[in-house]
Structures are given as C-alpha cells and as structure tokens.
Protein backbone atom coordinates (compact mmCIF):
# COMPACT_ATOMS: atom_id res chain seq x y z
CA MET A 1 -12.39 -19.01 -27.32
CA ASP A 2 -13.98 -16.25 -29.89
CA THR A 3 -12.88 -13.18 -28.60
CA ALA A 4 -14.91 -10.86 -31.21
CA THR A 5 -18.65 -12.35 -29.69
CA PHE A 6 -17.04 -12.88 -26.16
CA LEU A 7 -16.37 -8.77 -26.20
CA HIS A 8 -19.68 -8.29 -28.07
CA LEU A 9 -21.46 -10.11 -24.96
CA LEU A 10 -19.44 -8.11 -22.64
CA HIS A 11 -20.63 -5.10 -24.22
CA GLU A 12 -24.65 -6.16 -24.39
CA GLU A 13 -23.97 -7.08 -20.63
CA ILE A 14 -22.45 -3.65 -19.26
CA GLY A 15 -25.23 -1.88 -21.15
CA LEU A 16 -28.01 -4.09 -19.58
CA THR A 17 -26.41 -3.23 -16.03
CA LYS A 18 -27.95 -0.58 -14.06
CA HIS A 19 -27.85 -0.11 -10.17
CA ALA A 20 -28.29 -3.87 -9.48
CA GLY A 21 -24.70 -4.71 -10.81
CA LYS A 22 -21.35 -5.58 -8.78
CA LYS A 23 -18.47 -4.86 -9.46
CA HIS A 24 -16.41 -7.92 -11.17
CA ILE A 25 -13.29 -9.92 -12.38
CA ILE A 26 -13.33 -11.44 -15.23
CA HIS A 27 -10.21 -14.15 -15.67
CA PHE A 28 -9.25 -16.37 -18.44
CA SER A 29 -8.92 -19.76 -18.83
CA SER A 30 -4.84 -19.55 -20.84
CA THR A 31 -3.01 -16.81 -21.30
CA ARG A 32 -3.63 -16.95 -24.69
CA ASP A 33 -7.29 -16.21 -24.31
CA TYR A 34 -6.36 -12.92 -22.36
CA TYR A 35 -3.99 -11.59 -24.45
CA ALA A 36 -6.27 -11.87 -28.04
CA CYS A 37 -9.16 -10.33 -25.85
CA SER A 38 -6.87 -7.53 -24.57
CA SER A 39 -5.63 -7.14 -27.95
CA GLN A 40 -8.94 -7.08 -29.23
CA LEU A 41 -10.36 -4.77 -26.57
CA LYS A 42 -8.03 -2.01 -27.07
CA ARG A 43 -9.49 -2.03 -31.17
CA LEU A 44 -13.03 -2.35 -30.26
CA LYS A 45 -13.28 0.50 -27.29
CA SER A 46 -13.76 2.88 -29.79
CA SER A 47 -16.80 1.25 -31.89
CA LEU A 48 -18.68 -0.93 -28.69
CA VAL A 49 -19.15 2.58 -26.36
CA HIS A 50 -19.58 0.02 -23.06
CA LEU A 51 -15.98 -1.81 -23.23
CA SER A 52 -14.74 1.74 -21.97
CA LYS A 53 -15.56 0.51 -18.60
CA VAL A 54 -14.00 -2.48 -18.77
CA ARG A 55 -10.52 -2.38 -17.23
CA ASP A 56 -7.52 -4.49 -18.23
CA LEU A 57 -5.54 -6.00 -15.04
CA GLY A 58 -2.49 -7.21 -16.66
CA ILE A 59 -0.56 -7.79 -13.93
CA ILE A 60 -3.46 -11.20 -13.39
CA HIS A 61 -4.27 -11.35 -16.89
CA ALA A 62 -7.78 -10.19 -15.76
CA PHE A 63 -10.63 -7.71 -16.50
CA SER A 64 -12.61 -6.14 -14.02
CA CYS A 65 -16.37 -4.38 -14.60
CA THR A 66 -19.31 -4.14 -13.31
CA LEU A 67 -21.96 -6.76 -13.94
CA ARG A 68 -25.54 -8.15 -13.20
CA ALA A 69 -24.98 -11.30 -10.64
CA ASP A 70 -26.84 -13.32 -13.33
CA THR A 71 -24.58 -12.59 -16.39
CA LYS A 72 -24.84 -14.55 -19.39
CA LEU A 73 -20.65 -14.18 -19.62
CA LYS A 74 -20.83 -17.35 -16.68
CA ALA A 75 -21.55 -19.74 -19.22
CA ILE A 76 -19.44 -18.91 -22.04
CA SER A 77 -16.45 -21.00 -22.41
CA GLY A 78 -13.08 -19.47 -21.89
CA ALA A 79 -14.00 -16.88 -19.49
CA HIS A 80 -12.53 -19.15 -16.59
CA ILE A 81 -13.80 -17.75 -13.69
CA ILE A 82 -16.16 -14.59 -12.82
CA GLU A 83 -15.76 -13.61 -9.47
CA GLU A 84 -17.43 -10.71 -7.30
CA ASP A 85 -14.67 -7.48 -6.72
CA THR A 86 -14.65 -7.36 -3.02
CA LYS A 87 -14.37 -4.34 -0.57
CA VAL A 88 -11.10 -3.32 1.48
CA THR A 89 -10.53 -0.70 3.59
CA VAL A 90 -7.67 1.00 5.11
CA HIS A 91 -6.33 0.34 8.85
CA GLN A 92 -6.66 3.53 10.84
CA ILE A 93 -8.25 4.52 14.41
CA VAL A 94 -8.70 7.94 14.66
CA GLY A 95 -7.59 10.08 17.13
CA LYS A 96 -7.27 13.49 18.25
CA LYS A 97 -5.77 16.69 16.52
CA THR A 98 -2.65 17.91 19.03
CA THR A 99 -0.32 20.14 18.68
CA ALA A 100 3.64 18.96 17.18
CA LYS A 101 5.20 19.62 20.80
CA ARG A 102 3.68 17.25 22.83
CA ARG A 103 4.15 14.59 20.92
CA SER A 104 7.46 14.84 18.98
CA THR A 105 11.14 16.19 19.12
CA ILE A 106 11.91 19.55 17.85
CA ALA A 107 15.17 19.42 16.24
CA GLY A 108 16.04 23.20 15.39
CA THR A 109 12.90 24.50 13.35
CA HIS A 110 11.86 21.21 12.18
CA ILE A 111 9.66 18.10 14.17
CA ILE A 112 10.81 14.85 14.64
CA PRO A 113 7.73 12.97 15.23
CA TRP A 114 8.86 10.42 18.59
CA GLY A 115 8.11 7.36 16.17
CA VAL A 116 10.18 8.44 13.62
CA ASP A 117 13.24 9.16 16.44
CA GLN A 118 11.89 5.93 18.41
CA ILE A 119 13.02 3.55 15.40
CA GLY A 120 16.78 5.58 15.04
CA ALA A 121 16.07 7.04 11.88
CA PRO A 122 17.61 10.36 12.70
CA GLU A 123 20.94 8.40 13.51
CA ALA A 124 20.65 7.05 10.04
CA TRP A 125 20.33 10.29 8.22
CA SER A 126 23.88 10.53 8.09
CA LYS A 127 24.41 7.87 5.74
CA ALA A 128 20.82 7.65 3.91
CA THR A 129 18.31 9.74 3.61
CA GLY A 130 16.15 7.68 0.66
CA LEU A 131 17.40 9.57 -2.20
CA ARG A 132 15.97 8.23 -5.52
CA VAL A 133 14.17 5.61 -4.01
CA ARG A 134 10.25 6.08 -5.19
CA ILE A 135 7.62 4.61 -3.20
CA GLY A 136 4.05 3.94 -4.28
CA VAL A 137 1.29 4.65 -1.52
CA ILE A 138 -1.95 2.54 -2.44
CA ASP A 139 -3.97 4.72 -0.57
CA THR A 140 -6.84 7.59 -0.47
CA GLY A 141 -4.36 9.87 -2.45
CA ILE A 142 -2.33 13.26 -0.85
CA ASP A 143 -2.80 16.70 -0.50
CA TYR A 144 -0.39 17.89 -2.82
CA ASN A 145 -0.45 21.53 -1.44
CA HIS A 146 0.72 19.90 2.16
CA PRO A 147 4.23 22.21 2.69
CA ASP A 148 5.66 19.29 4.51
CA LEU A 149 5.56 17.33 1.20
CA ARG A 150 5.69 19.40 -1.46
CA ASN A 151 9.37 18.50 -2.26
CA SER A 152 8.73 14.62 -1.97
CA ILE A 153 5.74 14.27 -4.60
CA SER A 154 5.61 12.52 -7.40
CA ARG A 155 2.38 12.79 -10.03
CA GLY A 156 0.93 9.81 -8.98
CA ILE A 157 -2.23 8.35 -10.56
CA ASN A 158 -5.92 8.44 -9.59
CA LEU A 159 -7.52 5.34 -10.44
CA LEU A 160 -10.78 6.83 -9.31
CA ASN A 161 -10.84 9.19 -12.14
CA PRO A 162 -7.62 9.20 -14.09
CA SER A 163 -8.27 12.90 -15.61
CA MET A 164 -7.75 13.79 -12.22
CA LEU A 165 -4.49 14.25 -9.65
CA PRO A 166 -4.84 11.61 -7.00
CA PHE A 167 -6.03 14.32 -4.21
CA ASP A 168 -6.55 13.07 -1.44
CA ASP A 169 -10.56 13.34 0.29
CA ASN A 170 -9.78 11.11 2.74
CA GLY A 171 -6.59 12.38 4.88
CA HIS A 172 -5.32 8.42 5.78
CA GLY A 173 -3.27 8.50 2.40
CA THR A 174 -1.77 12.20 3.55
CA HIS A 175 -0.79 10.74 7.12
CA ILE A 176 1.20 8.04 5.72
CA ALA A 177 3.22 9.87 3.35
CA GLY A 178 4.21 12.17 5.98
CA THR A 179 5.66 9.42 8.34
CA ILE A 180 7.49 8.05 4.70
CA ALA A 181 9.23 11.42 3.41
CA ALA A 182 7.59 14.46 5.31
CA ALA A 183 9.91 17.21 4.37
CA GLY A 184 9.33 20.72 4.82
CA ARG A 185 11.75 22.86 3.73
CA HIS A 186 12.27 25.60 7.23
CA THR A 187 9.57 24.28 9.49
CA GLY A 188 7.05 21.25 9.75
CA ILE A 189 7.53 17.51 10.59
CA VAL A 190 10.64 15.07 8.91
CA GLY A 191 9.60 11.86 7.90
CA VAL A 192 11.54 8.37 7.92
CA ALA A 193 13.28 8.86 4.56
CA PRO A 194 12.72 12.56 4.05
CA LYS A 195 14.82 12.54 0.12
CA SER A 196 12.76 9.77 -0.82
CA ILE A 197 9.66 10.30 -3.75
CA ILE A 198 6.17 9.48 -2.54
CA CYS A 199 3.80 7.80 -5.67
CA PRO A 200 0.30 8.30 -4.73
CA VAL A 201 -1.69 5.92 -6.10
CA LYS A 202 -5.52 6.80 -5.21
CA ALA A 203 -7.46 3.79 -5.05
CA PHE A 204 -9.66 4.61 -1.74
CA ASP A 205 -12.36 6.52 -2.01
CA TYR A 206 -13.03 9.49 0.48
CA ASN A 207 -14.28 6.78 3.41
CA GLY A 208 -10.92 4.64 3.06
CA SER A 209 -12.87 2.00 1.05
CA ALA A 210 -11.82 0.37 -2.40
CA TYR A 211 -12.72 -2.53 -4.34
CA VAL A 212 -9.85 -5.29 -5.02
CA SER A 213 -9.86 -4.62 -8.38
CA ASP A 214 -8.57 -1.04 -7.78
CA ILE A 215 -5.92 -2.26 -5.37
CA ILE A 216 -5.04 -4.74 -8.24
CA ALA A 217 -4.88 -1.36 -10.79
CA GLY A 218 -2.54 0.62 -8.37
CA ILE A 219 -0.02 -2.53 -7.81
CA ASP A 220 -0.08 -3.19 -11.64
CA TRP A 221 0.50 0.66 -12.04
CA CYS A 222 3.44 0.64 -10.05
CA VAL A 223 5.30 -2.28 -11.54
CA GLN A 224 4.58 -0.64 -14.91
CA ASN A 225 5.87 2.43 -13.66
CA ASP A 226 9.44 0.87 -11.74
CA LEU A 227 8.78 1.99 -8.32
CA ASP A 228 10.75 0.75 -5.58
CA VAL A 229 8.17 0.39 -2.92
CA ILE A 230 4.84 -0.36 -2.38
CA ASN A 231 3.39 0.61 1.02
CA MET A 232 -0.03 -1.17 1.56
CA SER A 233 -1.53 -0.04 4.56
CA PHE A 234 -5.00 -1.38 4.85
CA GLY A 235 -6.39 -4.86 4.55
CA MET A 236 -9.33 -7.49 4.65
CA LYS A 237 -10.03 -10.81 6.48
CA THR A 238 -10.79 -13.21 3.48
CA TYR A 239 -8.61 -14.39 1.20
CA ASN A 240 -8.39 -13.24 -2.41
CA ARG A 241 -7.21 -15.19 -5.41
CA SER A 242 -6.61 -11.76 -7.73
CA LEU A 243 -4.61 -10.29 -4.87
CA GLU A 244 -2.73 -12.87 -4.26
CA HIS A 245 -1.87 -13.06 -8.13
CA ALA A 246 -0.85 -9.28 -8.51
CA VAL A 247 1.68 -9.49 -5.23
CA MET A 248 3.27 -12.72 -6.35
CA ASN A 249 3.34 -10.98 -9.89
CA ALA A 250 5.38 -7.55 -7.92
CA TYR A 251 7.22 -9.72 -6.01
CA TYR A 252 8.94 -11.59 -8.37
CA LYS A 253 9.33 -8.25 -10.21
CA GLY A 254 11.70 -7.42 -7.36
CA LYS A 255 9.06 -5.04 -6.13
CA ILE A 256 9.19 -4.84 -1.43
CA ILE A 257 5.63 -4.65 -0.79
CA VAL A 258 4.72 -3.67 2.99
CA ALA A 259 1.50 -4.08 4.21
CA SER A 260 -0.42 -3.55 7.73
CA SER A 261 -2.15 -6.45 10.01
CA GLY A 262 -4.82 -5.05 10.95
CA ASN A 263 -6.10 -3.54 14.09
CA ASP A 264 -8.47 -6.26 15.53
CA GLY A 265 -5.65 -7.32 18.27
CA LYS A 266 -5.59 -11.07 17.53
CA ARG A 267 -2.73 -13.01 18.33
CA LYS A 268 -2.34 -15.32 15.73
CA THR A 269 -3.43 -14.14 12.45
CA VAL A 270 -2.95 -11.14 10.42
CA ASP A 271 -5.48 -9.67 7.66
CA TYR A 272 -4.58 -9.97 3.92
CA PRO A 273 -2.13 -8.96 2.08
CA ALA A 274 0.29 -8.78 5.05
CA ARG A 275 -0.81 -12.47 5.32
CA PHE A 276 1.16 -13.58 2.16
CA PRO A 277 4.86 -14.86 2.21
CA GLN A 278 5.94 -12.11 -0.43
CA VAL A 279 4.61 -9.53 1.78
CA VAL A 280 6.40 -7.36 4.77
CA SER A 281 3.51 -7.65 7.14
CA VAL A 282 3.92 -4.78 10.32
CA GLY A 283 2.53 -4.72 13.51
CA ALA A 284 2.38 -1.43 15.72
CA THR A 285 3.91 -0.54 19.39
CA THR A 286 3.27 2.18 21.54
CA ARG A 287 5.84 5.17 22.62
CA LEU A 288 6.73 3.11 25.56
CA GLY A 289 7.56 -0.02 23.08
CA LYS A 290 4.87 -2.60 23.86
CA ILE A 291 3.35 -4.21 21.18
CA ALA A 292 -0.27 -2.71 21.05
CA LEU A 293 -3.27 -3.25 22.11
CA PHE A 294 -4.85 -3.26 19.16
CA SER A 295 -2.53 -4.04 16.31
CA ASN A 296 -2.62 -8.22 15.09
CA ARG A 297 0.28 -10.21 16.67
CA GLY A 298 1.71 -13.55 16.47
CA LYS A 299 4.25 -15.35 14.17
CA GLN A 300 2.99 -14.41 10.57
CA ILE A 301 4.40 -10.44 12.15
CA ASP A 302 7.66 -9.96 10.75
CA VAL A 303 8.27 -6.52 12.09
CA TYR A 304 7.04 -3.89 14.51
CA ALA A 305 6.96 -0.26 14.28
CA PRO A 306 5.09 2.77 16.04
CA GLY A 307 1.92 2.96 15.23
CA GLU A 308 0.22 4.99 18.58
CA ARG A 309 -1.00 8.21 18.30
CA ILE A 310 1.18 9.00 15.42
CA TYR A 311 1.61 12.41 14.49
CA SER A 312 1.70 13.62 10.86
CA SER A 313 0.60 15.72 7.88
CA TRP A 314 -3.27 15.95 7.26
CA LEU A 315 -5.04 17.64 5.00
CA ASN A 316 -5.27 21.16 3.82
CA GLY A 317 -1.94 21.67 5.37
CA LYS A 318 -2.62 20.54 8.93
CA TYR A 319 -1.70 17.42 11.50
CA ASN A 320 -3.05 14.92 12.79
CA GLU A 321 -2.42 12.16 15.19
CA LEU A 322 -3.17 8.98 14.49
CA SER A 323 -3.22 5.13 15.23
CA GLY A 324 -2.99 1.75 14.13
CA THR A 325 -1.10 -0.99 12.08
CA SER A 326 -1.38 1.57 9.03
CA MET A 327 1.01 4.17 11.25
CA ALA A 328 3.34 1.47 11.41
CA THR A 329 3.83 -0.13 8.17
CA ALA A 330 4.85 4.20 7.28
CA HIS A 331 8.07 3.68 9.32
CA VAL A 332 8.76 0.32 7.92
CA SER A 333 8.64 1.49 3.96
CA GLY A 334 10.67 4.60 4.86
CA VAL A 335 13.37 2.16 7.15
CA ILE A 336 13.14 0.05 3.86
CA ALA A 337 13.80 2.91 1.26
CA LEU A 338 16.51 3.99 3.25
CA MET A 339 17.84 0.59 2.53
CA LEU A 340 17.66 0.94 -0.87
CA SER A 341 19.34 4.54 -1.55
CA ILE A 342 22.84 2.84 -0.07
CA LYS A 343 22.47 -0.59 -1.68
CA PRO A 344 19.63 -0.63 -4.42
CA SER A 345 20.21 -3.93 -5.46
CA LEU A 346 18.34 -5.51 -2.47
CA SER A 347 16.09 -7.92 -3.47
CA PRO A 348 12.63 -8.52 -1.42
CA THR A 349 13.69 -11.06 0.15
CA GLN A 350 16.79 -9.99 1.56
CA ILE A 351 15.44 -7.06 2.62
CA LYS A 352 12.67 -8.68 5.04
CA ASN A 353 15.43 -11.08 6.31
CA ILE A 354 17.69 -7.76 7.18
CA VAL A 355 14.56 -5.75 8.53
CA ARG A 356 13.67 -8.90 10.57
CA ARG A 357 17.16 -9.96 11.80
CA CYS A 358 18.13 -6.36 12.65
CA ALA A 359 15.04 -5.86 14.61
CA SER A 360 14.85 -4.36 18.16
CA SER A 361 13.95 -6.93 20.56
CA LEU A 362 10.58 -6.51 21.99
CA SER A 363 10.49 -9.15 24.79
CA LYS A 364 13.06 -9.31 27.87
CA ARG A 365 12.45 -13.11 28.07
CA GLU A 366 15.65 -15.43 27.00
CA SER A 367 14.31 -18.06 24.38
CA ALA A 368 15.52 -19.81 21.93
CA ARG A 369 12.55 -19.27 19.53
CA TRP A 370 12.70 -16.09 16.93
CA ARG A 371 10.15 -13.35 18.04
CA PRO A 372 9.67 -10.17 16.11
CA GLY A 373 10.91 -6.89 17.13
CA GLN A 374 10.55 -3.50 16.03
CA ILE A 375 12.47 -2.09 13.16
CA ASN A 376 15.44 -0.34 13.84
CA ALA A 377 16.73 2.18 11.49
CA ARG A 378 20.68 2.39 12.32
CA ARG A 379 20.92 -1.39 13.03
CA ALA A 380 19.00 -1.81 9.37
CA LEU A 381 21.83 -0.15 7.44
CA SER A 382 24.81 -1.44 8.96
CA ALA A 383 23.78 -4.62 8.27
CA LEU A 384 24.30 -3.09 4.75
CA LYS A 385 28.14 -3.57 5.11
C-alpha cells in the first residue's frame, strides 16, 4: 500500500465530510501497513490539516475519523476493513436523591454505604486499603472538587476535549469513583478501596453516550499509562470486533478489566464488553442479598455485587442514589484494588478465579453446579495467603 497516497486521500475525504459524515474505524490489512501509515501520519499532520482529526488507535492498529458513508477509501487496497463506529451507553437506573443516614452505616464521622459494608470491605481495611493501586474509570469523567474524592484522583484524560481535564458533566463517573475510592478526610462517604487512585478517562458525553473508538482510545490510554484495573460500567448489545481486540490486548498486557452485565433483566445473556471471556463480568444484587430484577444474569456472570439504590458521590459535591450493574461493577473494582495492594503480581486470570471462588453464595439450594455469588472482600483477601 502506498501510505502517502492513502493519507492524502484520507485528508481529502475528511475535508469533504460535512454534517452527513459518521465516525468510522479503519483497519489495515497488515501490521506493517498500519505502522507505516501511523509513522507517516505524525509527519503529515502539520501540513495536511484535516489529518489532525484522525485518532491513532494503537492498541488495535487502526485509525478512527469521521467519513462519508460512500467514502472512496473503501476501494483502496491496504485499508482492509472500514467499519462504522457504534455508540455505547452507561449502565444506570436513576434513583432519587436521599440522605446518607437512611441508606448507610455511620462510622464515626464517616458514612459507609450499605453496599461497601455488605461485601465486607470494612473488615478488610486492617489488611488492605488499595494503597498505590491505580484504577482507570472509563466513564463520564469526575467531579475534581468533590470533598470525598480530592485525595483519590489523578489527572486522567479527556478524550472528547483533550485540552481539558475530564470534568464530569453527567454524574455517572463521579458516582462510580465514589464507590471505588471515596475517602473524605473528616466527613463524607468511604469507598471500597479508600487509598486507591482513580484515573478518570472521559469517553462519555453529558448524555452518558460514547463511541466505541473513544472507549478503545481510553483502554489504550490505560495500558500506555500502566494502570492496574480498568472499570467499564457500560455496555452494548451487539458484538464489536474492534472492542474485543482492544480488550484482548489489554488483558494480555496484564490489565484487569471489570465490566457491567447490563440492566435488561435477561436470564441468559449479558452485554458487551462484559461478555468477553477476558473480562470480569458483574451482575447486581439488592440489599436483601438477592439478584436485582433489573440485572442481567446467567452463566456468563462471574460475580454479583450490590447495585440497588447505591449511595455515592455526585456532581457539585453532592450525593445521589443510583441503581444498576454499573454500581455493582464499582464494588468489584474496589475489591480487586484491595487484592492488588497486597499482591501486585496477581494476573487477570488469578484475580477472576479468586473473585469467583471466594464469593458468598446467593442460592440456598445444594447443587454440584457452580453458580456465581456475591463478591466477598474478606474471603478474597484471605485467599491470597
């Protein structure tokens, strides 16, 4: 493939793309072609201005950009597959704002949300608090000024506006971050792993919507910055080759990926990326220790966690109750952070096996067949011995 010709044509195509254009992902027929194009792209961006709109998705050896549906690039040999970028949404069911005392346990001047308490996190804090573990939360961003999160946030990245910090304009990402790592100095809530660090990756807009290419760029950023855990509280119904490729590459780099199963109440299937075998897939439970009616469930679930009316941090320093498998996923990411702070060398496979094996049973029926249970922080840490 003539890379210079291809990139000049790509520049022209992007220039011709107006409001009718849609995001696409360009895959190359060989790794060699990708690297040749990627190298030349960096050199030509300054002279061919439209190429500045091309995002290099290194983790899957592809580009993403906005193109016309009838783009001429599809006729060029070497551009193996040009697929339309698809949308993904966060997994949440909005609840009512409420007071902390009604839904949580008071511990001194701090508040321990019921989910954090139910999975046994407070009992584990004498052994581990998630110290030095970094968690990439690919979501809507974070409220940098929230008093319960100030000590738990790194800079992160805003993939929608790279010149800005990943400020949350939706609330979902801030809520997830609070469940994982909230740690107010004197008051406020406490997350599952209060000494862990949240690296916010803003891939979702104010509506809680993102493109697959943004998520892939987020996974790539987490891998490049050597984060330990990637929390993905979102999903889609249809299989996506590009997303699977990104997840697999992160997995082979030793990253633990945790994803929500979806809120459709389905009994035999879960959403992607939770459905990929390289991912720890999470379903939601209620305060009574039952599987939540809204939660997807079945053999493809690895573990359940509290996901009904979860009280956590919200925008403008406030708090909110939300329900969903998103909230459950945050509890699991927190427990994994506790595990890694004791034994950083744990592989993704080891983590998944321990989390599954040490879960508390959700069924009273005796059965030889394994069923996923609710995550148990105390048991998971004990298993590390």
